[in-house]
N, C-alpha and C. Protein backbone atom coordinates (compact mmCIF):
# COMPACT_ATOMS: atom_id res chain seq x y z
N UNK A 1 0.72 -1.07 -0.05
CA UNK A 1 0.19 -0.04 0.36
C UNK A 1 0.88 0.79 -0.08
N UNK A 2 2.41 1.31 0.37
CA UNK A 2 2.87 2.53 0.63
C UNK A 2 3.58 2.64 -0.57
N UNK A 3 3.64 1.86 -1.25
CA UNK A 3 4.47 2.05 -2.55
C UNK A 3 2.94 2.77 -3.45
N UNK A 4 2.20 2.32 -3.58
CA UNK A 4 0.90 2.55 -4.70
C UNK A 4 0.65 3.67 -3.79
N UNK A 5 0.65 4.69 -2.65
CA UNK A 5 0.52 6.05 -2.40
C UNK A 5 1.63 6.53 -2.59
N UNK A 6 2.73 6.11 -3.14
CA UNK A 6 3.84 6.86 -3.47
C UNK A 6 4.12 6.73 -4.62
N UNK A 7 3.63 6.46 -5.45
CA UNK A 7 4.23 6.98 -7.11
C UNK A 7 4.13 8.05 -7.44
N UNK A 8 2.70 8.66 -7.32
CA UNK A 8 2.31 10.59 -7.34
C UNK A 8 1.84 11.03 -6.63
N UNK A 9 2.49 12.11 -5.61
CA UNK A 9 2.17 12.46 -4.83
C UNK A 9 0.87 13.26 -5.03
N UNK A 10 0.30 13.74 -6.22
CA UNK A 10 -1.15 14.08 -6.37
C UNK A 10 -1.94 13.26 -6.80
N UNK A 11 -1.69 12.44 -6.67
CA UNK A 11 -2.79 11.26 -7.06
C UNK A 11 -2.56 10.09 -5.67
N UNK A 12 -2.09 10.22 -4.51
CA UNK A 12 -2.42 9.29 -3.03
C UNK A 12 -3.99 8.42 -3.45
N UNK A 13 -4.92 8.99 -3.31
CA UNK A 13 -6.07 8.32 -3.21
C UNK A 13 -6.73 7.72 -4.34
N UNK A 14 -6.21 8.23 -5.35
CA UNK A 14 -6.42 7.24 -6.58
C UNK A 14 -5.42 5.75 -6.81
N UNK A 15 -3.97 5.83 -6.69
CA UNK A 15 -3.33 4.72 -6.74
C UNK A 15 -3.44 3.64 -5.67
N UNK A 16 -3.38 4.65 -4.59
CA UNK A 16 -4.07 3.68 -3.39
C UNK A 16 -5.44 3.08 -3.81
N UNK A 17 -6.28 3.73 -4.08
CA UNK A 17 -7.93 3.13 -4.61
C UNK A 17 -7.43 1.96 -5.07
N UNK A 18 -6.89 2.05 -6.12
CA UNK A 18 -6.62 1.48 -7.21
C UNK A 18 -5.97 -0.14 -6.67
N UNK A 19 -5.22 0.24 -6.05
CA UNK A 19 -4.70 -0.98 -5.43
C UNK A 19 -5.27 -1.24 -4.09
N UNK A 20 -6.20 -0.69 -3.58
CA UNK A 20 -7.25 -1.65 -2.78
C UNK A 20 -7.91 -2.54 -3.29
N UNK A 21 -8.72 -1.47 -4.50
CA UNK A 21 -9.91 -2.14 -5.89
C UNK A 21 -9.32 -3.46 -6.26
N UNK A 22 -7.44 -3.99 -6.36
CA UNK A 22 -7.16 -4.68 -7.13
C UNK A 22 -7.31 -5.75 -5.96
N UNK A 23 -6.35 -5.68 -5.01
CA UNK A 23 -6.65 -6.64 -3.66
C UNK A 23 -7.64 -7.20 -3.43
N UNK A 24 -8.97 -6.52 -3.02
CA UNK A 24 -10.13 -7.01 -3.02
C UNK A 24 -10.87 -7.79 -3.83
N UNK A 25 -10.35 -7.90 -5.35
CA UNK A 25 -10.86 -8.29 -6.03
C UNK A 25 -10.61 -9.36 -6.44
N UNK A 26 -8.70 -9.67 -5.69
CA UNK A 26 -8.32 -10.95 -5.94
C UNK A 26 -8.88 -11.27 -5.13
N UNK A 27 -8.75 -10.80 -3.66
CA UNK A 27 -9.40 -11.84 -2.65
C UNK A 27 -10.75 -12.31 -1.96
N UNK A 28 -11.49 -11.83 -3.16
CA UNK A 28 -12.98 -11.85 -3.48
C UNK A 28 -13.50 -11.37 -2.29
N UNK A 29 -13.11 -10.41 -2.31
CA UNK A 29 -13.83 -8.88 -0.92
C UNK A 29 -14.85 -7.66 -1.36
N UNK A 30 -16.13 -8.04 -0.71
CA UNK A 30 -16.63 -7.32 -1.75
C UNK A 30 -17.07 -5.68 -0.17
N UNK A 31 -16.82 -4.42 -1.13
CA UNK A 31 -16.61 -3.44 0.47
C UNK A 31 -17.82 -2.88 0.20
N UNK A 32 -18.35 -2.08 1.13
CA UNK A 32 -19.72 -1.75 1.62
C UNK A 32 -19.92 -0.33 0.78
N UNK A 33 -21.49 -0.01 0.51
CA UNK A 33 -22.01 0.73 -0.16
C UNK A 33 -21.22 2.08 0.43
N UNK A 34 -21.20 2.11 1.77
CA UNK A 34 -20.50 3.36 2.62
C UNK A 34 -18.99 3.27 2.00
N UNK A 35 -18.48 2.23 2.11
CA UNK A 35 -16.89 2.35 1.62
C UNK A 35 -16.77 2.97 0.41
N UNK A 36 -17.47 2.48 -0.88
CA UNK A 36 -17.63 3.14 -1.84
C UNK A 36 -17.89 4.53 -2.43
N UNK A 37 -18.89 4.85 -1.23
CA UNK A 37 -18.88 6.43 -1.33
C UNK A 37 -17.99 7.30 -0.42
N UNK A 38 -17.26 7.11 0.35
CA UNK A 38 -16.11 7.56 1.22
C UNK A 38 -15.25 7.60 -0.24
N UNK A 39 -14.77 6.64 -0.95
CA UNK A 39 -13.91 6.57 -1.60
C UNK A 39 -14.63 7.50 -2.98
N UNK A 40 -15.55 7.49 -3.51
CA UNK A 40 -15.95 8.11 -4.20
C UNK A 40 -15.33 9.68 -4.51
N UNK A 41 -16.00 10.04 -2.96
CA UNK A 41 -15.83 11.61 -2.59
C UNK A 41 -14.45 11.62 -2.06
N UNK A 42 -13.33 11.11 -1.97
CA UNK A 42 -12.29 11.17 -1.91
C UNK A 42 -11.49 11.50 -2.98
N UNK A 43 -11.98 10.44 -3.57
CA UNK A 43 -10.90 11.04 -5.06
C UNK A 43 -11.55 11.93 -5.73
N UNK A 44 -12.89 12.63 -5.68
CA UNK A 44 -13.35 13.82 -6.21
C UNK A 44 -12.89 14.88 -5.41
N UNK A 45 -12.41 14.49 -3.99
CA UNK A 45 -11.53 15.85 -3.31
C UNK A 45 -10.03 15.82 -4.15
N UNK A 46 -9.69 14.90 -3.94
CA UNK A 46 -8.39 15.31 -4.70
C UNK A 46 -8.16 15.19 -5.93
N UNK A 47 -9.07 14.97 -6.39
CA UNK A 47 -9.31 15.23 -8.36
C UNK A 47 -9.99 17.06 -8.53
N UNK A 48 -10.52 17.55 -7.55
CA UNK A 48 -10.68 18.67 -7.03
C UNK A 48 -9.15 19.64 -7.20
N UNK A 49 -8.71 18.92 -5.97
CA UNK A 49 -7.01 19.79 -5.97
C UNK A 49 -6.40 19.73 -6.94
N UNK A 50 -6.57 18.59 -7.39
CA UNK A 50 -5.21 18.58 -8.61
C UNK A 50 -5.57 19.65 -9.61
N UNK A 51 -6.94 19.78 -9.97
CA UNK A 51 -7.13 21.00 -11.18
C UNK A 51 -7.29 22.45 -10.07
N UNK A 52 -7.73 22.15 -9.52
CA UNK A 52 -6.93 23.53 -9.06
C UNK A 52 -5.83 24.17 -8.58
N UNK A 53 -4.81 22.84 -8.47
CA UNK A 53 -3.53 23.18 -9.01
C UNK A 53 -2.89 23.23 -9.75
N UNK A 54 -3.60 22.69 -11.09
CA UNK A 54 -2.75 22.89 -12.89
C UNK A 54 -3.72 24.49 -12.75
N UNK A 55 -4.86 24.45 -12.29
CA UNK A 55 -4.82 26.06 -12.77
C UNK A 55 -4.42 27.31 -12.26
N UNK A 56 -3.69 26.99 -11.26
CA UNK A 56 -2.87 28.14 -10.17
C UNK A 56 -1.22 28.13 -11.47
N UNK A 57 -1.18 26.86 -11.60
CA UNK A 57 0.16 26.73 -12.38
C UNK A 57 0.02 27.38 -13.66
N UNK A 58 -1.17 27.20 -13.93
CA UNK A 58 -1.36 27.65 -15.48
C UNK A 58 -1.38 29.69 -15.23
N UNK A 59 -2.17 29.55 -14.83
CA UNK A 59 -2.61 31.16 -14.48
C UNK A 59 -0.52 31.90 -13.93
N UNK A 60 0.17 30.85 -13.46
CA UNK A 60 1.55 31.34 -12.89
C UNK A 60 2.35 31.53 -14.42
N UNK A 61 1.96 30.82 -15.44
CA UNK A 61 3.08 30.49 -16.55
C UNK A 61 2.48 32.03 -17.23
N UNK A 62 1.12 32.52 -17.01
CA UNK A 62 1.04 33.37 -18.09
C UNK A 62 1.11 34.64 -17.33
N UNK A 63 1.66 34.62 -16.25
CA UNK A 63 2.13 35.56 -15.22
C UNK A 63 0.61 36.45 -14.38
N UNK A 64 -0.13 35.62 -14.63
CA UNK A 64 -1.73 36.05 -13.83
C UNK A 64 -1.58 35.95 -12.45
N UNK A 65 -0.82 36.56 -11.51
CA UNK A 65 -0.36 36.07 -10.08
C UNK A 65 -1.51 36.27 -8.95
N UNK A 66 -2.17 37.49 -9.43
CA UNK A 66 -3.75 37.14 -8.36
C UNK A 66 -4.37 35.49 -8.71
N UNK A 67 -4.56 35.28 -10.00
CA UNK A 67 -5.08 33.94 -10.13
C UNK A 67 -4.55 33.02 -9.51
N UNK A 68 -3.06 33.05 -9.50
CA UNK A 68 -2.23 31.87 -8.97
C UNK A 68 -2.46 32.31 -7.37
N UNK A 69 -2.34 33.04 -7.31
CA UNK A 69 -3.05 33.06 -5.87
C UNK A 69 -4.06 32.99 -5.00
N UNK A 70 -5.36 33.37 -5.77
CA UNK A 70 -6.74 32.77 -5.88
C UNK A 70 -6.63 31.11 -6.03
N UNK A 71 -5.88 30.49 -6.56
CA UNK A 71 -6.37 29.33 -6.75
C UNK A 71 -5.48 28.43 -5.68
N UNK A 72 -3.94 28.96 -5.57
CA UNK A 72 -3.47 28.55 -4.51
C UNK A 72 -4.16 28.30 -2.82
N UNK A 73 -4.87 29.47 -2.96
CA UNK A 73 -6.02 29.05 -1.83
C UNK A 73 -6.99 28.47 -1.50
N UNK A 74 -7.27 28.22 -2.80
CA UNK A 74 -8.52 27.32 -2.96
C UNK A 74 -8.18 25.88 -2.75
N UNK A 75 -7.18 25.60 -3.45
CA UNK A 75 -6.46 24.16 -3.36
C UNK A 75 -6.14 24.12 -1.81
N UNK A 76 -5.58 24.95 -1.28
CA UNK A 76 -5.31 24.55 0.15
C UNK A 76 -6.92 24.54 0.77
N UNK A 77 -7.67 24.99 0.43
CA UNK A 77 -9.33 24.63 1.20
C UNK A 77 -9.47 23.30 0.73
N UNK A 78 -9.34 22.89 -0.47
CA UNK A 78 -9.58 21.50 -0.81
C UNK A 78 -8.60 20.33 0.00
N UNK A 79 -7.49 20.47 0.33
CA UNK A 79 -6.47 20.01 0.91
C UNK A 79 -6.86 20.33 2.23
N UNK A 80 -7.03 20.83 2.38
CA UNK A 80 -7.74 21.09 4.35
C UNK A 80 -8.93 19.93 5.08
N UNK A 81 -9.98 20.43 3.52
CA UNK A 81 -10.80 19.12 3.64
C UNK A 81 -10.54 17.94 3.91
N UNK A 82 -9.59 17.34 3.33
CA UNK A 82 -9.20 16.12 2.97
C UNK A 82 -8.49 15.99 4.74
N UNK A 83 -7.72 17.46 5.00
CA UNK A 83 -7.20 16.75 6.56
C UNK A 83 -8.07 16.53 7.30
N UNK A 84 -9.46 17.36 7.48
CA UNK A 84 -10.20 17.28 8.57
C UNK A 84 -11.29 16.14 8.37
N UNK A 85 -11.17 15.63 7.51
CA UNK A 85 -11.92 14.37 7.51
C UNK A 85 -10.87 13.07 7.74
N UNK A 86 -9.78 12.94 7.10
CA UNK A 86 -9.07 12.12 7.77
C UNK A 86 -7.95 11.84 8.29
N UNK A 87 -7.73 13.15 8.61
CA UNK A 87 -6.55 13.16 9.51
C UNK A 87 -5.32 13.61 9.01
N UNK A 88 -5.28 13.33 7.28
CA UNK A 88 -4.06 13.53 7.20
C UNK A 88 -4.19 13.89 5.87
N UNK A 89 -3.20 15.18 5.37
CA UNK A 89 -3.62 15.81 3.60
C UNK A 89 -3.11 14.90 2.88
N UNK A 90 -2.41 14.09 3.00
CA UNK A 90 -2.31 13.91 2.07
C UNK A 90 -2.96 11.98 1.65
N UNK A 91 -4.19 12.02 2.49
CA UNK A 91 -5.21 11.16 2.74
C UNK A 91 -4.78 9.48 2.26
N UNK A 92 -3.74 9.45 3.14
CA UNK A 92 -3.78 7.72 3.56
C UNK A 92 -4.86 6.75 4.14
N UNK A 93 -5.60 7.71 4.87
CA UNK A 93 -6.65 6.96 5.49
C UNK A 93 -7.55 6.64 4.83
N UNK A 94 -7.41 7.36 3.31
CA UNK A 94 -8.83 6.85 2.43
C UNK A 94 -8.74 5.76 2.11
N UNK A 95 -7.84 5.28 2.08
CA UNK A 95 -7.08 3.80 0.88
C UNK A 95 -7.58 2.80 1.72
N UNK A 96 -8.33 2.51 2.70
CA UNK A 96 -8.95 1.66 3.45
C UNK A 96 -8.23 1.07 4.65
N UNK A 97 -6.83 1.23 4.77
CA UNK A 97 -6.40 0.68 5.77
C UNK A 97 -7.13 1.55 7.31
N UNK A 98 -7.54 2.19 7.30
CA UNK A 98 -8.71 2.28 8.59
C UNK A 98 -9.70 1.62 8.79
N UNK A 99 -9.93 0.98 7.37
CA UNK A 99 -11.69 0.15 7.47
C UNK A 99 -12.71 0.97 6.82
N UNK A 100 -13.74 0.85 7.27
CA UNK A 100 -14.53 1.97 6.76
C UNK A 100 -14.90 3.21 7.41
N UNK A 101 -14.31 4.34 7.46
CA UNK A 101 -14.37 5.21 8.35
C UNK A 101 -15.59 5.70 8.34
């Protein structure tokens, strides 16, 4: 699981969810509907943070520094939401190590 989470810092939840899904499938484990919902929310939070960060980078590339600052603050909000929910900004808890949150 640690390797899956370490492959790319921006897609920790995506890689961890993919790994967990593969292992669950191989072991014949069905996860609860609640766990599926939690994973979907986590993936969307991560995806949102990544896209907002990309928008900030694009704004910076074209020297639109106010846009970069706004997108940076907004991305921080998405990351802090993940932090508040699972206790870590990198979202390792979403991967299923703590079970059905």
